Amino acid sequence: MDEKQIGTVDHFFGNISVSMIKLTDSLKVGDKIHIKGNTSDLTQDILSMQINRVPAQEAKAGDIISIKVDQKVRKDDAVYKVE
């Protein structure tokens, strides 16, 4: 599995298990991501995302998206798209 870094975790809301991710490349619903940090290691599919609280099917570099995550992630964790 090839991976390409596409952003970093900007914020994590633990009470609702939502991560905000600042993108440096494009991402769309259906893609698989891998979030990796010092204590984080999570791979999951993007089932839905939001940009500024509005549902979106795809996002581009520079966007900050919100996605539901299966476990805790931390600020500055690297986000990779699994090819």
N, C-alpha and C. Protein backbone atom coordinates (compact mmCIF):
# COMPACT_ATOMS: atom_id res chain seq x y z
N MET A 1 0.84 -1.19 0.00
CA MET A 1 0.00 0.00 0.00
C MET A 1 0.87 1.25 0.00
N ASP A 2 0.71 2.06 -1.02
CA ASP A 2 1.43 3.33 -1.06
C ASP A 2 0.63 4.38 -0.30
N GLU A 3 1.36 5.26 0.37
CA GLU A 3 0.72 6.34 1.11
C GLU A 3 1.37 7.66 0.73
N LYS A 4 0.52 8.71 0.65
CA LYS A 4 0.99 10.05 0.33
C LYS A 4 0.44 11.00 1.37
N GLN A 5 1.30 11.80 1.99
CA GLN A 5 0.80 12.73 3.00
C GLN A 5 -0.05 13.80 2.35
N ILE A 6 -1.24 14.00 2.92
CA ILE A 6 -2.18 14.97 2.35
C ILE A 6 -2.61 16.02 3.37
N GLY A 7 -2.05 15.98 4.58
CA GLY A 7 -2.42 16.99 5.56
C GLY A 7 -2.01 16.62 6.96
N THR A 8 -2.49 17.45 7.92
CA THR A 8 -2.22 17.22 9.34
C THR A 8 -3.49 17.47 10.14
N VAL A 9 -3.56 16.83 11.30
CA VAL A 9 -4.68 17.05 12.20
C VAL A 9 -4.54 18.45 12.80
N ASP A 10 -5.59 19.25 12.68
CA ASP A 10 -5.60 20.61 13.19
C ASP A 10 -6.24 20.69 14.58
N HIS A 11 -7.22 19.82 14.83
CA HIS A 11 -7.92 19.81 16.12
C HIS A 11 -8.69 18.50 16.26
N PHE A 12 -8.91 18.07 17.50
CA PHE A 12 -9.69 16.87 17.76
C PHE A 12 -10.72 17.16 18.84
N PHE A 13 -11.97 16.84 18.57
CA PHE A 13 -13.05 17.02 19.53
C PHE A 13 -13.38 15.65 20.12
N GLY A 14 -12.87 15.39 21.32
CA GLY A 14 -13.01 14.07 21.94
C GLY A 14 -14.44 13.69 22.28
N ASN A 15 -15.26 14.67 22.67
CA ASN A 15 -16.63 14.35 23.08
C ASN A 15 -17.50 13.85 21.93
N ILE A 16 -17.16 14.23 20.68
CA ILE A 16 -17.93 13.76 19.53
C ILE A 16 -17.07 12.95 18.56
N SER A 17 -15.80 12.74 18.91
CA SER A 17 -14.85 11.96 18.10
C SER A 17 -14.76 12.46 16.66
N VAL A 18 -14.54 13.77 16.54
CA VAL A 18 -14.41 14.42 15.23
C VAL A 18 -13.04 15.08 15.14
N SER A 19 -12.38 14.88 14.01
CA SER A 19 -11.08 15.48 13.76
C SER A 19 -11.20 16.54 12.68
N MET A 20 -10.53 17.67 12.90
CA MET A 20 -10.40 18.68 11.85
C MET A 20 -9.03 18.48 11.22
N ILE A 21 -9.00 18.41 9.89
CA ILE A 21 -7.77 18.14 9.16
C ILE A 21 -7.51 19.25 8.17
N LYS A 22 -6.29 19.81 8.22
CA LYS A 22 -5.88 20.83 7.24
C LYS A 22 -5.21 20.11 6.09
N LEU A 23 -5.80 20.23 4.90
CA LEU A 23 -5.33 19.49 3.73
C LEU A 23 -4.24 20.22 2.95
N THR A 24 -3.29 19.44 2.44
CA THR A 24 -2.28 19.96 1.52
C THR A 24 -2.46 19.33 0.14
N ASP A 25 -3.47 18.47 0.01
CA ASP A 25 -3.79 17.82 -1.26
C ASP A 25 -5.28 17.49 -1.25
N SER A 26 -5.81 17.00 -2.35
CA SER A 26 -7.25 16.74 -2.44
C SER A 26 -7.64 15.44 -1.74
N LEU A 27 -8.90 15.37 -1.36
CA LEU A 27 -9.46 14.19 -0.69
C LEU A 27 -10.93 14.14 -1.03
N LYS A 28 -11.48 12.92 -1.20
CA LYS A 28 -12.91 12.81 -1.49
C LYS A 28 -13.51 11.66 -0.68
N VAL A 29 -14.83 11.71 -0.55
CA VAL A 29 -15.55 10.64 0.13
C VAL A 29 -15.27 9.33 -0.60
N GLY A 30 -14.97 8.28 0.14
CA GLY A 30 -14.63 6.99 -0.44
C GLY A 30 -13.15 6.69 -0.38
N ASP A 31 -12.32 7.74 -0.21
CA ASP A 31 -10.87 7.52 -0.05
C ASP A 31 -10.57 6.87 1.29
N LYS A 32 -9.43 6.21 1.37
CA LYS A 32 -8.97 5.63 2.62
C LYS A 32 -7.82 6.47 3.13
N ILE A 33 -7.84 6.80 4.45
CA ILE A 33 -6.77 7.59 5.03
C ILE A 33 -6.09 6.82 6.16
N HIS A 34 -4.86 7.23 6.46
CA HIS A 34 -4.08 6.69 7.56
C HIS A 34 -3.59 7.88 8.36
N ILE A 35 -3.96 7.95 9.64
CA ILE A 35 -3.52 9.03 10.52
C ILE A 35 -2.46 8.44 11.44
N LYS A 36 -1.27 9.05 11.42
CA LYS A 36 -0.13 8.50 12.17
C LYS A 36 0.53 9.60 12.97
N GLY A 37 0.78 9.31 14.25
CA GLY A 37 1.49 10.24 15.13
C GLY A 37 2.29 9.46 16.15
N ASN A 38 2.79 10.14 17.16
CA ASN A 38 3.59 9.47 18.19
C ASN A 38 2.81 8.36 18.89
N THR A 39 1.53 8.61 19.17
CA THR A 39 0.70 7.60 19.85
C THR A 39 -0.55 7.25 19.05
N SER A 40 -0.71 7.83 17.87
CA SER A 40 -1.89 7.56 17.03
C SER A 40 -1.49 6.68 15.85
N ASP A 41 -2.38 5.75 15.50
CA ASP A 41 -2.18 4.93 14.30
C ASP A 41 -3.54 4.39 13.90
N LEU A 42 -4.16 5.04 12.93
CA LEU A 42 -5.54 4.76 12.58
C LEU A 42 -5.69 4.75 11.07
N THR A 43 -6.33 3.71 10.54
CA THR A 43 -6.66 3.65 9.11
C THR A 43 -8.16 3.51 8.98
N GLN A 44 -8.77 4.32 8.15
CA GLN A 44 -10.22 4.22 7.95
C GLN A 44 -10.63 4.85 6.63
N ASP A 45 -11.82 4.46 6.17
CA ASP A 45 -12.40 5.03 4.96
C ASP A 45 -13.11 6.34 5.31
N ILE A 46 -13.12 7.26 4.36
CA ILE A 46 -13.88 8.51 4.52
C ILE A 46 -15.31 8.24 4.08
N LEU A 47 -16.23 8.19 5.04
CA LEU A 47 -17.64 7.95 4.74
C LEU A 47 -18.39 9.25 4.50
N SER A 48 -17.93 10.32 5.17
CA SER A 48 -18.52 11.65 4.97
C SER A 48 -17.53 12.67 5.51
N MET A 49 -17.68 13.90 5.03
CA MET A 49 -16.84 14.99 5.53
C MET A 49 -17.62 16.29 5.43
N GLN A 50 -17.14 17.28 6.17
CA GLN A 50 -17.75 18.61 6.13
C GLN A 50 -16.66 19.66 5.96
N ILE A 51 -17.02 20.72 5.27
CA ILE A 51 -16.17 21.91 5.17
C ILE A 51 -17.01 23.06 5.71
N ASN A 52 -16.55 23.70 6.76
CA ASN A 52 -17.32 24.78 7.41
C ASN A 52 -18.74 24.34 7.76
N ARG A 53 -18.84 23.15 8.32
CA ARG A 53 -20.12 22.55 8.77
C ARG A 53 -21.11 22.26 7.65
N VAL A 54 -20.63 22.26 6.41
CA VAL A 54 -21.47 21.94 5.26
C VAL A 54 -20.98 20.62 4.67
N PRO A 55 -21.86 19.63 4.50
CA PRO A 55 -21.43 18.35 3.92
C PRO A 55 -20.78 18.55 2.56
N ALA A 56 -19.70 17.80 2.30
CA ALA A 56 -18.98 17.91 1.03
C ALA A 56 -18.58 16.52 0.54
N GLN A 57 -18.49 16.35 -0.76
CA GLN A 57 -18.06 15.09 -1.36
C GLN A 57 -16.56 15.08 -1.62
N GLU A 58 -15.98 16.28 -1.81
CA GLU A 58 -14.54 16.36 -2.02
C GLU A 58 -14.02 17.68 -1.50
N ALA A 59 -12.71 17.68 -1.22
CA ALA A 59 -12.05 18.88 -0.70
C ALA A 59 -10.71 19.02 -1.40
N LYS A 60 -10.19 20.25 -1.41
CA LYS A 60 -8.93 20.51 -2.10
C LYS A 60 -7.87 21.02 -1.11
N ALA A 61 -6.66 21.14 -1.59
CA ALA A 61 -5.57 21.66 -0.77
C ALA A 61 -5.95 23.02 -0.20
N GLY A 62 -5.66 23.22 1.08
CA GLY A 62 -5.99 24.48 1.75
C GLY A 62 -7.28 24.42 2.53
N ASP A 63 -8.16 23.45 2.22
CA ASP A 63 -9.41 23.30 2.96
C ASP A 63 -9.14 22.70 4.34
N ILE A 64 -9.99 23.04 5.30
CA ILE A 64 -9.97 22.37 6.60
C ILE A 64 -11.28 21.59 6.69
N ILE A 65 -11.15 20.27 6.75
CA ILE A 65 -12.32 19.40 6.76
C ILE A 65 -12.54 18.83 8.15
N SER A 66 -13.77 18.40 8.41
CA SER A 66 -14.11 17.70 9.65
C SER A 66 -14.59 16.32 9.27
N ILE A 67 -14.04 15.30 9.96
CA ILE A 67 -14.48 13.93 9.74
C ILE A 67 -14.63 13.22 11.08
N LYS A 68 -15.52 12.25 11.10
CA LYS A 68 -15.68 11.40 12.28
C LYS A 68 -14.56 10.37 12.24
N VAL A 69 -13.89 10.15 13.38
CA VAL A 69 -12.81 9.17 13.46
C VAL A 69 -13.13 8.10 14.48
N ASP A 70 -12.54 6.92 14.28
CA ASP A 70 -12.83 5.76 15.12
C ASP A 70 -12.09 5.77 16.45
N GLN A 71 -11.04 6.57 16.57
CA GLN A 71 -10.31 6.64 17.83
C GLN A 71 -9.65 8.00 17.96
N LYS A 72 -9.07 8.26 19.14
CA LYS A 72 -8.47 9.56 19.42
C LYS A 72 -7.25 9.81 18.52
N VAL A 73 -7.19 11.02 17.98
CA VAL A 73 -6.01 11.48 17.25
C VAL A 73 -5.56 12.79 17.89
N ARG A 74 -4.38 13.24 17.55
CA ARG A 74 -3.82 14.41 18.20
C ARG A 74 -3.39 15.47 17.20
N LYS A 75 -3.37 16.72 17.66
CA LYS A 75 -2.94 17.84 16.82
C LYS A 75 -1.56 17.54 16.23
N ASP A 76 -1.40 17.86 14.97
CA ASP A 76 -0.15 17.70 14.22
C ASP A 76 0.15 16.26 13.81
N ASP A 77 -0.75 15.30 14.09
CA ASP A 77 -0.59 13.95 13.52
C ASP A 77 -0.63 14.08 12.01
N ALA A 78 0.18 13.28 11.32
CA ALA A 78 0.22 13.29 9.86
C ALA A 78 -0.96 12.50 9.30
N VAL A 79 -1.56 13.00 8.22
CA VAL A 79 -2.67 12.33 7.55
C VAL A 79 -2.20 11.93 6.16
N TYR A 80 -2.34 10.65 5.84
CA TYR A 80 -1.92 10.10 4.56
C TYR A 80 -3.11 9.55 3.81
N LYS A 81 -3.09 9.67 2.48
CA LYS A 81 -4.08 8.99 1.64
C LYS A 81 -3.48 7.66 1.23
N VAL A 82 -4.23 6.56 1.44
CA VAL A 82 -3.76 5.24 1.06
C VAL A 82 -4.14 5.01 -0.40
N GLU A 83 -3.14 4.77 -1.24
CA GLU A 83 -3.36 4.59 -2.68
C GLU A 83 -3.79 3.16 -2.98
